[in-house]
Amino acid sequence: MRKTTLIAVSALALAAACGQQAQQQAEAPAATETVAPAPAPIPAAPSAEEFVQKAANSDAFEIQAAQLALTHASNADVKAFARMMRTDHTATTHELTSLAPTVNLAVPTPALDSDQQAKLDALRNANGAAFDSLYVDQQVQAHQDAVSMFENFANNSAQGPLQQWAQTTLPKLRQHLDRAQALKNAA
């Protein structure tokens, strides 16, 4: 009887230990489980002053790159795209310089950043098909950046004329991006 009692007590102790271990394992995440990373934070909209200056700088780059394309490109479609860039970005520059004072901002003075200047320098040193390819690649990237900047400002800034202008300008920028991407895909 003593042996039976000892076996019963041992079995109960073993069952309790197994139960406790199972509970601990259930409470702890499995070693193979991966924890999903936190979503990337939504970037804060730039200030109105920053947005106006960056938009002006972007337009200046587009206009200067288009001017080079009109003299260096060999593909008629690339030249047509460059004419559209020059016309459309000149128009947005005028809109922006007219709008800025109405929202108590200084008229921006476009200034290319070092990356934009380096891109223009690279374009100046290219001709023909090499120019066409480089110009189109730069235009895809520039318009991806511009669409992102305008979307961020339109979606995350305070309501007002500048935010509305960003919203109404976005479709044209998306059209430019689509056209640049089509040129890239056709090459």
N, C-alpha and C. Protein backbone atom coordinates (compact mmCIF):
# COMPACT_ATOMS: atom_id res chain seq x y z
N MET A 1 0.81 -1.18 0.00
CA MET A 1 0.00 0.00 0.00
C MET A 1 0.86 1.24 0.00
N ARG A 2 1.93 1.12 0.75
CA ARG A 2 2.82 2.25 0.81
C ARG A 2 3.38 2.57 -0.57
N LYS A 3 3.69 1.53 -1.35
CA LYS A 3 4.21 1.71 -2.69
C LYS A 3 3.15 2.37 -3.57
N THR A 4 1.90 2.00 -3.44
CA THR A 4 0.82 2.57 -4.22
C THR A 4 0.63 4.04 -3.86
N THR A 5 0.72 4.37 -2.59
CA THR A 5 0.58 5.75 -2.15
C THR A 5 1.73 6.58 -2.70
N LEU A 6 2.92 6.05 -2.62
CA LEU A 6 4.09 6.77 -3.13
C LEU A 6 3.96 7.01 -4.63
N ILE A 7 3.48 6.05 -5.38
CA ILE A 7 3.30 6.21 -6.82
C ILE A 7 2.22 7.26 -7.08
N ALA A 8 1.15 7.25 -6.34
CA ALA A 8 0.06 8.21 -6.51
C ALA A 8 0.53 9.61 -6.22
N VAL A 9 1.28 9.77 -5.12
CA VAL A 9 1.80 11.10 -4.76
C VAL A 9 2.78 11.58 -5.84
N SER A 10 3.61 10.71 -6.33
CA SER A 10 4.57 11.08 -7.38
C SER A 10 3.84 11.47 -8.66
N ALA A 11 2.81 10.74 -8.99
CA ALA A 11 2.03 11.05 -10.19
C ALA A 11 1.36 12.41 -10.05
N LEU A 12 0.81 12.71 -8.88
CA LEU A 12 0.19 14.02 -8.65
C LEU A 12 1.22 15.14 -8.74
N ALA A 13 2.39 14.93 -8.17
CA ALA A 13 3.44 15.94 -8.21
C ALA A 13 3.91 16.18 -9.65
N LEU A 14 4.03 15.08 -10.39
CA LEU A 14 4.44 15.19 -11.79
C LEU A 14 3.37 15.92 -12.61
N ALA A 15 2.12 15.60 -12.38
CA ALA A 15 1.03 16.26 -13.09
C ALA A 15 1.00 17.75 -12.77
N ALA A 16 1.21 18.10 -11.53
CA ALA A 16 1.21 19.51 -11.12
C ALA A 16 2.38 20.24 -11.77
N ALA A 17 3.54 19.62 -11.80
CA ALA A 17 4.71 20.24 -12.42
C ALA A 17 4.50 20.44 -13.92
N CYS A 18 3.93 19.42 -14.56
CA CYS A 18 3.65 19.53 -16.00
C CYS A 18 2.63 20.63 -16.27
N GLY A 19 1.63 20.71 -15.44
CA GLY A 19 0.62 21.75 -15.59
C GLY A 19 1.22 23.14 -15.43
N GLN A 20 2.09 23.28 -14.43
CA GLN A 20 2.73 24.58 -14.20
C GLN A 20 3.64 24.95 -15.38
N GLN A 21 4.38 23.98 -15.92
CA GLN A 21 5.27 24.23 -17.05
C GLN A 21 4.45 24.59 -18.29
N ALA A 22 3.34 23.91 -18.51
CA ALA A 22 2.49 24.21 -19.66
C ALA A 22 1.93 25.62 -19.57
N GLN A 23 1.55 26.00 -18.35
CA GLN A 23 1.02 27.36 -18.16
C GLN A 23 2.09 28.40 -18.44
N GLN A 24 3.32 28.16 -17.97
CA GLN A 24 4.41 29.10 -18.22
C GLN A 24 4.71 29.21 -19.71
N GLN A 25 4.67 28.08 -20.40
CA GLN A 25 4.94 28.11 -21.83
C GLN A 25 3.84 28.83 -22.58
N ALA A 26 2.63 28.67 -22.14
CA ALA A 26 1.50 29.34 -22.80
C ALA A 26 1.58 30.85 -22.60
N GLU A 27 2.08 31.26 -21.44
CA GLU A 27 2.16 32.70 -21.16
C GLU A 27 3.34 33.35 -21.86
N ALA A 28 4.41 32.61 -22.11
CA ALA A 28 5.60 33.18 -22.77
C ALA A 28 5.46 33.00 -24.27
N PRO A 29 5.86 34.02 -25.07
CA PRO A 29 5.78 33.86 -26.52
C PRO A 29 6.78 32.81 -26.98
N ALA A 30 6.39 32.07 -27.97
CA ALA A 30 7.27 31.05 -28.53
C ALA A 30 8.50 31.70 -29.12
N ALA A 31 9.59 30.98 -29.06
CA ALA A 31 10.85 31.51 -29.56
C ALA A 31 10.79 31.77 -31.06
N THR A 32 9.95 31.05 -31.78
CA THR A 32 9.88 31.23 -33.22
C THR A 32 8.88 32.30 -33.63
N GLU A 33 8.09 32.79 -32.68
CA GLU A 33 7.13 33.84 -33.02
C GLU A 33 7.89 35.14 -33.31
N THR A 34 7.43 35.87 -34.29
CA THR A 34 8.02 37.17 -34.57
C THR A 34 7.02 38.24 -34.19
N VAL A 35 7.54 39.27 -33.64
CA VAL A 35 6.69 40.39 -33.26
C VAL A 35 6.69 41.36 -34.42
N ALA A 36 5.51 41.73 -34.86
CA ALA A 36 5.39 42.65 -35.99
C ALA A 36 5.99 44.00 -35.60
N PRO A 37 6.78 44.58 -36.49
CA PRO A 37 7.35 45.89 -36.17
C PRO A 37 6.25 46.94 -36.11
N ALA A 38 6.50 47.94 -35.32
CA ALA A 38 5.54 49.05 -35.22
C ALA A 38 5.45 49.74 -36.57
N PRO A 39 4.28 50.20 -36.96
CA PRO A 39 4.17 50.88 -38.25
C PRO A 39 5.05 52.13 -38.26
N ALA A 40 5.57 52.42 -39.44
CA ALA A 40 6.42 53.61 -39.58
C ALA A 40 5.59 54.84 -39.27
N PRO A 41 6.17 55.76 -38.53
CA PRO A 41 5.40 56.97 -38.22
C PRO A 41 5.16 57.79 -39.48
N ILE A 42 4.03 58.42 -39.52
CA ILE A 42 3.71 59.30 -40.65
C ILE A 42 4.57 60.55 -40.49
N PRO A 43 5.34 60.89 -41.52
CA PRO A 43 6.20 62.07 -41.36
C PRO A 43 5.34 63.32 -41.18
N ALA A 44 5.82 64.17 -40.31
CA ALA A 44 5.10 65.41 -40.09
C ALA A 44 5.19 66.26 -41.35
N ALA A 45 4.13 66.99 -41.61
CA ALA A 45 4.15 67.89 -42.76
C ALA A 45 5.19 68.97 -42.52
N PRO A 46 5.89 69.35 -43.57
CA PRO A 46 6.84 70.45 -43.38
C PRO A 46 6.06 71.72 -43.05
N SER A 47 6.74 72.67 -42.47
CA SER A 47 6.08 73.94 -42.22
C SER A 47 5.72 74.56 -43.57
N ALA A 48 4.83 75.51 -43.54
CA ALA A 48 4.43 76.19 -44.78
C ALA A 48 5.65 76.82 -45.46
N GLU A 49 6.53 77.41 -44.67
CA GLU A 49 7.74 78.04 -45.22
C GLU A 49 8.63 77.01 -45.91
N GLU A 50 8.83 75.86 -45.24
CA GLU A 50 9.66 74.80 -45.81
C GLU A 50 9.04 74.26 -47.09
N PHE A 51 7.74 74.04 -47.06
CA PHE A 51 7.05 73.51 -48.23
C PHE A 51 7.19 74.45 -49.42
N VAL A 52 6.95 75.74 -49.20
CA VAL A 52 7.03 76.72 -50.28
C VAL A 52 8.45 76.74 -50.86
N GLN A 53 9.45 76.72 -50.00
CA GLN A 53 10.83 76.76 -50.50
C GLN A 53 11.19 75.49 -51.25
N LYS A 54 10.80 74.33 -50.70
CA LYS A 54 11.11 73.07 -51.38
C LYS A 54 10.38 72.95 -52.72
N ALA A 55 9.15 73.42 -52.76
CA ALA A 55 8.39 73.39 -54.02
C ALA A 55 9.05 74.30 -55.05
N ALA A 56 9.49 75.47 -54.61
CA ALA A 56 10.17 76.40 -55.52
C ALA A 56 11.48 75.81 -56.03
N ASN A 57 12.22 75.16 -55.14
CA ASN A 57 13.49 74.53 -55.55
C ASN A 57 13.23 73.39 -56.54
N SER A 58 12.19 72.63 -56.29
CA SER A 58 11.83 71.53 -57.19
C SER A 58 11.48 72.07 -58.57
N ASP A 59 10.67 73.13 -58.61
CA ASP A 59 10.33 73.74 -59.89
C ASP A 59 11.58 74.24 -60.62
N ALA A 60 12.47 74.88 -59.88
CA ALA A 60 13.70 75.40 -60.51
C ALA A 60 14.51 74.27 -61.14
N PHE A 61 14.62 73.15 -60.43
CA PHE A 61 15.35 72.01 -60.98
C PHE A 61 14.65 71.49 -62.24
N GLU A 62 13.34 71.35 -62.17
CA GLU A 62 12.58 70.84 -63.33
C GLU A 62 12.76 71.74 -64.55
N ILE A 63 12.69 73.03 -64.35
CA ILE A 63 12.80 73.98 -65.46
C ILE A 63 14.20 73.93 -66.07
N GLN A 64 15.23 73.94 -65.22
CA GLN A 64 16.60 73.92 -65.72
C GLN A 64 16.93 72.59 -66.42
N ALA A 65 16.45 71.48 -65.86
CA ALA A 65 16.67 70.18 -66.49
C ALA A 65 15.95 70.11 -67.84
N ALA A 66 14.75 70.67 -67.90
CA ALA A 66 13.99 70.68 -69.15
C ALA A 66 14.72 71.51 -70.21
N GLN A 67 15.27 72.64 -69.81
CA GLN A 67 16.04 73.47 -70.75
C GLN A 67 17.19 72.67 -71.36
N LEU A 68 17.88 71.92 -70.51
CA LEU A 68 18.97 71.08 -71.02
C LEU A 68 18.45 69.99 -71.95
N ALA A 69 17.31 69.41 -71.61
CA ALA A 69 16.75 68.35 -72.44
C ALA A 69 16.38 68.87 -73.83
N LEU A 70 15.94 70.10 -73.90
CA LEU A 70 15.54 70.65 -75.19
C LEU A 70 16.73 70.79 -76.14
N THR A 71 17.94 70.88 -75.59
CA THR A 71 19.12 71.01 -76.45
C THR A 71 19.97 69.74 -76.51
N HIS A 72 19.86 68.85 -75.53
CA HIS A 72 20.72 67.67 -75.47
C HIS A 72 20.02 66.35 -75.82
N ALA A 73 18.72 66.29 -75.70
CA ALA A 73 18.01 65.03 -75.92
C ALA A 73 17.97 64.68 -77.40
N SER A 74 17.92 63.37 -77.68
CA SER A 74 17.83 62.92 -79.07
C SER A 74 16.44 62.38 -79.40
N ASN A 75 15.70 61.97 -78.40
CA ASN A 75 14.39 61.37 -78.59
C ASN A 75 13.31 62.45 -78.61
N ALA A 76 12.47 62.42 -79.63
CA ALA A 76 11.40 63.43 -79.77
C ALA A 76 10.42 63.39 -78.61
N ASP A 77 10.13 62.20 -78.08
CA ASP A 77 9.22 62.10 -76.93
C ASP A 77 9.83 62.71 -75.68
N VAL A 78 11.13 62.54 -75.51
CA VAL A 78 11.82 63.13 -74.36
C VAL A 78 11.78 64.65 -74.48
N LYS A 79 11.99 65.17 -75.69
CA LYS A 79 11.92 66.62 -75.89
C LYS A 79 10.50 67.15 -75.64
N ALA A 80 9.49 66.41 -76.07
CA ALA A 80 8.10 66.82 -75.82
C ALA A 80 7.82 66.83 -74.32
N PHE A 81 8.32 65.84 -73.61
CA PHE A 81 8.17 65.80 -72.16
C PHE A 81 8.86 67.01 -71.53
N ALA A 82 10.05 67.33 -72.00
CA ALA A 82 10.80 68.48 -71.47
C ALA A 82 10.03 69.79 -71.69
N ARG A 83 9.40 69.93 -72.86
CA ARG A 83 8.59 71.14 -73.10
C ARG A 83 7.43 71.22 -72.11
N MET A 84 6.80 70.07 -71.85
CA MET A 84 5.72 70.04 -70.88
C MET A 84 6.24 70.40 -69.48
N MET A 85 7.41 69.89 -69.11
CA MET A 85 7.99 70.19 -67.80
C MET A 85 8.27 71.68 -67.67
N ARG A 86 8.85 72.25 -68.71
CA ARG A 86 9.17 73.68 -68.66
C ARG A 86 7.90 74.50 -68.51
N THR A 87 6.89 74.20 -69.30
CA THR A 87 5.62 74.94 -69.26
C THR A 87 4.91 74.78 -67.92
N ASP A 88 4.73 73.53 -67.52
CA ASP A 88 3.96 73.26 -66.30
C ASP A 88 4.66 73.76 -65.04
N HIS A 89 5.96 73.57 -64.94
CA HIS A 89 6.67 74.00 -63.73
C HIS A 89 6.88 75.51 -63.70
N THR A 90 6.92 76.14 -64.85
CA THR A 90 6.93 77.61 -64.87
C THR A 90 5.59 78.12 -64.35
N ALA A 91 4.51 77.46 -64.74
CA ALA A 91 3.18 77.86 -64.28
C ALA A 91 3.05 77.68 -62.77
N THR A 92 3.52 76.55 -62.22
CA THR A 92 3.40 76.36 -60.78
C THR A 92 4.30 77.32 -60.01
N THR A 93 5.42 77.69 -60.60
CA THR A 93 6.28 78.70 -59.96
C THR A 93 5.53 80.02 -59.86
N HIS A 94 4.86 80.42 -60.93
CA HIS A 94 4.09 81.67 -60.90
C HIS A 94 2.96 81.60 -59.88
N GLU A 95 2.26 80.46 -59.86
CA GLU A 95 1.17 80.30 -58.88
C GLU A 95 1.70 80.41 -57.46
N LEU A 96 2.80 79.75 -57.20
CA LEU A 96 3.37 79.74 -55.85
C LEU A 96 3.88 81.11 -55.44
N THR A 97 4.53 81.81 -56.35
CA THR A 97 5.04 83.15 -55.99
C THR A 97 3.90 84.14 -55.83
N SER A 98 2.78 83.91 -56.48
CA SER A 98 1.60 84.77 -56.27
C SER A 98 0.88 84.42 -54.98
N LEU A 99 0.86 83.14 -54.63
CA LEU A 99 0.14 82.67 -53.45
C LEU A 99 0.87 82.99 -52.15
N ALA A 100 2.18 82.87 -52.14
CA ALA A 100 2.95 83.02 -50.90
C ALA A 100 2.61 84.29 -50.13
N PRO A 101 2.62 85.47 -50.75
CA PRO A 101 2.32 86.68 -49.98
C PRO A 101 0.89 86.71 -49.43
N THR A 102 -0.04 86.04 -50.10
CA THR A 102 -1.42 86.06 -49.62
C THR A 102 -1.60 85.24 -48.35
N VAL A 103 -0.64 84.36 -48.06
CA VAL A 103 -0.69 83.58 -46.82
C VAL A 103 0.44 83.99 -45.88
N ASN A 104 0.88 85.24 -46.05
CA ASN A 104 1.91 85.85 -45.18
C ASN A 104 3.24 85.12 -45.19
N LEU A 105 3.63 84.65 -46.37
CA LEU A 105 4.94 84.02 -46.53
C LEU A 105 5.75 84.82 -47.54
N ALA A 106 7.04 84.80 -47.36
CA ALA A 106 7.93 85.48 -48.30
C ALA A 106 7.90 84.74 -49.64
N VAL A 107 8.04 85.48 -50.71
CA VAL A 107 8.16 84.87 -52.03
C VAL A 107 9.47 84.07 -52.01
N PRO A 108 9.40 82.78 -52.37
CA PRO A 108 10.61 81.95 -52.29
C PRO A 108 11.65 82.36 -53.33
N THR A 109 12.88 82.19 -52.95
CA THR A 109 14.00 82.38 -53.87
C THR A 109 14.55 80.99 -54.17
N PRO A 110 14.24 80.45 -55.35
CA PRO A 110 14.68 79.09 -55.65
C PRO A 110 16.20 78.96 -55.60
N ALA A 111 16.63 77.87 -54.97
CA ALA A 111 18.05 77.56 -54.89
C ALA A 111 18.18 76.05 -54.94
N LEU A 112 18.96 75.56 -55.86
CA LEU A 112 19.13 74.12 -55.99
C LEU A 112 19.98 73.60 -54.84
N ASP A 113 19.60 72.43 -54.33
CA ASP A 113 20.45 71.81 -53.32
C ASP A 113 21.61 71.11 -54.03
N SER A 114 22.55 70.58 -53.28
CA SER A 114 23.75 69.98 -53.89
C SER A 114 23.40 68.77 -54.76
N ASP A 115 22.39 68.00 -54.36
CA ASP A 115 21.97 66.85 -55.15
C ASP A 115 21.39 67.29 -56.50
N GLN A 116 20.53 68.30 -56.47
CA GLN A 116 19.95 68.81 -57.71
C GLN A 116 21.03 69.39 -58.62
N GLN A 117 21.98 70.10 -58.04
CA GLN A 117 23.06 70.68 -58.83
C GLN A 117 23.91 69.59 -59.46
N ALA A 118 24.19 68.55 -58.71
CA ALA A 118 24.98 67.43 -59.24
C ALA A 118 24.24 66.74 -60.40
N LYS A 119 22.93 66.63 -60.28
CA LYS A 119 22.14 66.03 -61.35
C LYS A 119 22.19 66.89 -62.61
N LEU A 120 22.08 68.19 -62.44
CA LEU A 120 22.18 69.09 -63.61
C LEU A 120 23.56 69.00 -64.24
N ASP A 121 24.59 68.94 -63.42
CA ASP A 121 25.96 68.83 -63.94
C ASP A 121 26.12 67.54 -64.75
N ALA A 122 25.55 66.45 -64.25
CA ALA A 122 25.62 65.18 -64.98
C ALA A 122 24.89 65.29 -66.32
N LEU A 123 23.75 65.98 -66.32
CA LEU A 123 23.01 66.16 -67.57
C LEU A 123 23.81 67.00 -68.57
N ARG A 124 24.50 68.01 -68.09
CA ARG A 124 25.29 68.87 -68.97
C ARG A 124 26.39 68.09 -69.69
N ASN A 125 26.84 67.00 -69.06
CA ASN A 125 27.93 66.21 -69.63
C ASN A 125 27.45 65.01 -70.44
N ALA A 126 26.16 64.94 -70.71
CA ALA A 126 25.62 63.82 -71.48
C ALA A 126 24.94 64.35 -72.75
N ASN A 127 24.87 63.50 -73.74
CA ASN A 127 24.20 63.84 -75.00
C ASN A 127 23.51 62.61 -75.55
N GLY A 128 22.59 62.85 -76.46
CA GLY A 128 21.94 61.76 -77.19
C GLY A 128 21.21 60.78 -76.29
N ALA A 129 21.33 59.50 -76.62
CA ALA A 129 20.62 58.45 -75.90
C ALA A 129 21.04 58.38 -74.43
N ALA A 130 22.31 58.63 -74.15
CA ALA A 130 22.76 58.62 -72.75
C ALA A 130 22.08 59.74 -71.97
N PHE A 131 21.94 60.90 -72.61
CA PHE A 131 21.23 62.00 -71.96
C PHE A 131 19.77 61.62 -71.71
N ASP A 132 19.13 61.09 -72.74
CA ASP A 132 17.71 60.72 -72.64
C ASP A 132 17.48 59.80 -71.44
N SER A 133 18.29 58.78 -71.32
CA SER A 133 18.13 57.80 -70.24
C SER A 133 18.34 58.45 -68.87
N LEU A 134 19.39 59.25 -68.75
CA LEU A 134 19.69 59.92 -67.48
C LEU A 134 18.60 60.91 -67.12
N TYR A 135 18.17 61.70 -68.07
CA TYR A 135 17.12 62.70 -67.83
C TYR A 135 15.83 62.02 -67.36
N VAL A 136 15.43 60.97 -68.05
CA VAL A 136 14.18 60.29 -67.70
C VAL A 136 14.29 59.66 -66.31
N ASP A 137 15.41 59.02 -66.01
CA ASP A 137 15.60 58.45 -64.67
C ASP A 137 15.50 59.53 -63.60
N GLN A 138 16.14 60.66 -63.84
CA GLN A 138 16.07 61.77 -62.88
C GLN A 138 14.65 62.30 -62.74
N GLN A 139 13.92 62.34 -63.83
CA GLN A 139 12.55 62.85 -63.78
C GLN A 139 11.63 61.91 -63.00
N VAL A 140 11.83 60.63 -63.16
CA VAL A 140 11.04 59.67 -62.37
C VAL A 140 11.28 59.93 -60.88
N GLN A 141 12.55 59.99 -60.50
CA GLN A 141 12.89 60.20 -59.08
C GLN A 141 12.40 61.55 -58.58
N ALA A 142 12.61 62.60 -59.36
CA ALA A 142 12.20 63.94 -58.94
C ALA A 142 10.69 64.02 -58.74
N HIS A 143 9.94 63.36 -59.61
CA HIS A 143 8.48 63.41 -59.49
C HIS A 143 7.97 62.48 -58.40
N GLN A 144 8.65 61.39 -58.13
CA GLN A 144 8.29 60.57 -56.97
C GLN A 144 8.46 61.40 -55.69
N ASP A 145 9.57 62.11 -55.60
CA ASP A 145 9.83 62.96 -54.44
C ASP A 145 8.80 64.08 -54.32
N ALA A 146 8.49 64.71 -55.45
CA ALA A 146 7.53 65.82 -55.44
C ALA A 146 6.13 65.33 -55.05
N VAL A 147 5.70 64.23 -55.61
CA VAL A 147 4.38 63.69 -55.27
C VAL A 147 4.32 63.38 -53.77
N SER A 148 5.37 62.76 -53.26
CA SER A 148 5.41 62.44 -51.83
C SER A 148 5.34 63.70 -50.98
N MET A 149 6.11 64.70 -51.33
CA MET A 149 6.12 65.95 -50.56
C MET A 149 4.75 66.64 -50.62
N PHE A 150 4.17 66.72 -51.79
CA PHE A 150 2.87 67.38 -51.94
C PHE A 150 1.77 66.59 -51.23
N GLU A 151 1.80 65.27 -51.33
CA GLU A 151 0.81 64.46 -50.62
C GLU A 151 0.91 64.68 -49.11
N ASN A 152 2.13 64.65 -48.60
CA ASN A 152 2.35 64.85 -47.17
C ASN A 152 1.81 66.21 -46.73
N PHE A 153 2.11 67.24 -47.49
CA PHE A 153 1.64 68.57 -47.11
C PHE A 153 0.12 68.67 -47.25
N ALA A 154 -0.42 68.16 -48.33
CA ALA A 154 -1.86 68.24 -48.57
C ALA A 154 -2.65 67.47 -47.51
N ASN A 155 -2.11 66.34 -47.06
CA ASN A 155 -2.82 65.49 -46.11
C ASN A 155 -2.58 65.84 -44.65
N ASN A 156 -1.48 66.51 -44.35
CA ASN A 156 -1.10 66.69 -42.95
C ASN A 156 -0.93 68.13 -42.49
N SER A 157 -1.16 69.08 -43.36
CA SER A 157 -1.01 70.48 -42.95
C SER A 157 -2.38 71.08 -42.63
N ALA A 158 -2.33 72.25 -42.06
CA ALA A 158 -3.57 72.94 -41.71
C ALA A 158 -4.32 73.35 -42.97
N GLN A 159 -5.65 73.32 -42.87
CA GLN A 159 -6.48 73.75 -43.99
C GLN A 159 -6.15 75.20 -44.34
N GLY A 160 -6.20 75.50 -45.61
CA GLY A 160 -5.95 76.87 -46.05
C GLY A 160 -5.57 76.89 -47.52
N PRO A 161 -5.33 78.08 -48.04
CA PRO A 161 -5.04 78.22 -49.47
C PRO A 161 -3.81 77.43 -49.93
N LEU A 162 -2.77 77.37 -49.11
CA LEU A 162 -1.55 76.66 -49.51
C LEU A 162 -1.80 75.14 -49.55
N GLN A 163 -2.52 74.65 -48.57
CA GLN A 163 -2.86 73.23 -48.53
C GLN A 163 -3.76 72.88 -49.72
N GLN A 164 -4.69 73.76 -50.05
CA GLN A 164 -5.57 73.53 -51.21
C GLN A 164 -4.77 73.55 -52.50
N TRP A 165 -3.82 74.47 -52.60
CA TRP A 165 -2.98 74.53 -53.80
C TRP A 165 -2.19 73.22 -53.95
N ALA A 166 -1.67 72.70 -52.85
CA ALA A 166 -0.93 71.43 -52.91
C ALA A 166 -1.86 70.32 -53.42
N GLN A 167 -3.09 70.30 -52.92
CA GLN A 167 -4.05 69.27 -53.37
C GLN A 167 -4.37 69.40 -54.84
N THR A 168 -4.57 70.62 -55.32
CA THR A 168 -4.94 70.80 -56.73
C THR A 168 -3.75 70.62 -57.67
N THR A 169 -2.53 70.75 -57.15
CA THR A 169 -1.33 70.56 -57.97
C THR A 169 -0.96 69.08 -58.09
N LEU A 170 -1.34 68.28 -57.11
CA LEU A 170 -0.98 66.86 -57.09
C LEU A 170 -1.35 66.09 -58.36
N PRO A 171 -2.55 66.24 -58.91
CA PRO A 171 -2.87 65.46 -60.12
C PRO A 171 -1.90 65.72 -61.28
N LYS A 172 -1.48 66.96 -61.43
CA LYS A 172 -0.53 67.28 -62.50
C LYS A 172 0.82 66.62 -62.23
N LEU A 173 1.26 66.62 -60.98
CA LEU A 173 2.53 65.97 -60.64
C LEU A 173 2.45 64.46 -60.86
N ARG A 174 1.33 63.88 -60.52
CA ARG A 174 1.14 62.44 -60.76
C ARG A 174 1.16 62.14 -62.26
N GLN A 175 0.56 63.03 -63.04
CA GLN A 175 0.58 62.87 -64.49
C GLN A 175 2.02 62.94 -65.01
N HIS A 176 2.80 63.87 -64.48
CA HIS A 176 4.21 63.97 -64.88
C HIS A 176 4.94 62.67 -64.54
N LEU A 177 4.70 62.15 -63.33
CA LEU A 177 5.36 60.91 -62.91
C LEU A 177 4.97 59.76 -63.84
N ASP A 178 3.69 59.65 -64.14
CA ASP A 178 3.23 58.59 -65.04
C ASP A 178 3.88 58.70 -66.41
N ARG A 179 3.97 59.91 -66.92
CA ARG A 179 4.58 60.13 -68.24
C ARG A 179 6.07 59.80 -68.22
N ALA A 180 6.76 60.22 -67.16
CA ALA A 180 8.19 59.92 -67.04
C ALA A 180 8.40 58.41 -66.93
N GLN A 181 7.56 57.75 -66.17
CA GLN A 181 7.67 56.29 -66.02
C GLN A 181 7.41 55.59 -67.36
N ALA A 182 6.44 56.09 -68.12
CA ALA A 182 6.16 55.52 -69.44
C ALA A 182 7.37 55.69 -70.37
N LEU A 183 8.01 56.83 -70.32
CA LEU A 183 9.21 57.04 -71.13
C LEU A 183 10.31 56.09 -70.73
N LYS A 184 10.47 55.88 -69.43
CA LYS A 184 11.49 54.96 -68.93
C LYS A 184 11.20 53.54 -69.38
N ASN A 185 9.93 53.14 -69.29
CA ASN A 185 9.56 51.78 -69.69
C ASN A 185 9.69 51.56 -71.19
N ALA A 186 9.55 52.63 -71.98
CA ALA A 186 9.65 52.51 -73.44
C ALA A 186 11.09 52.41 -73.91
N ALA A 187 12.01 52.79 -73.06
CA ALA A 187 13.43 52.80 -73.46
C ALA A 187 14.02 51.41 -73.53
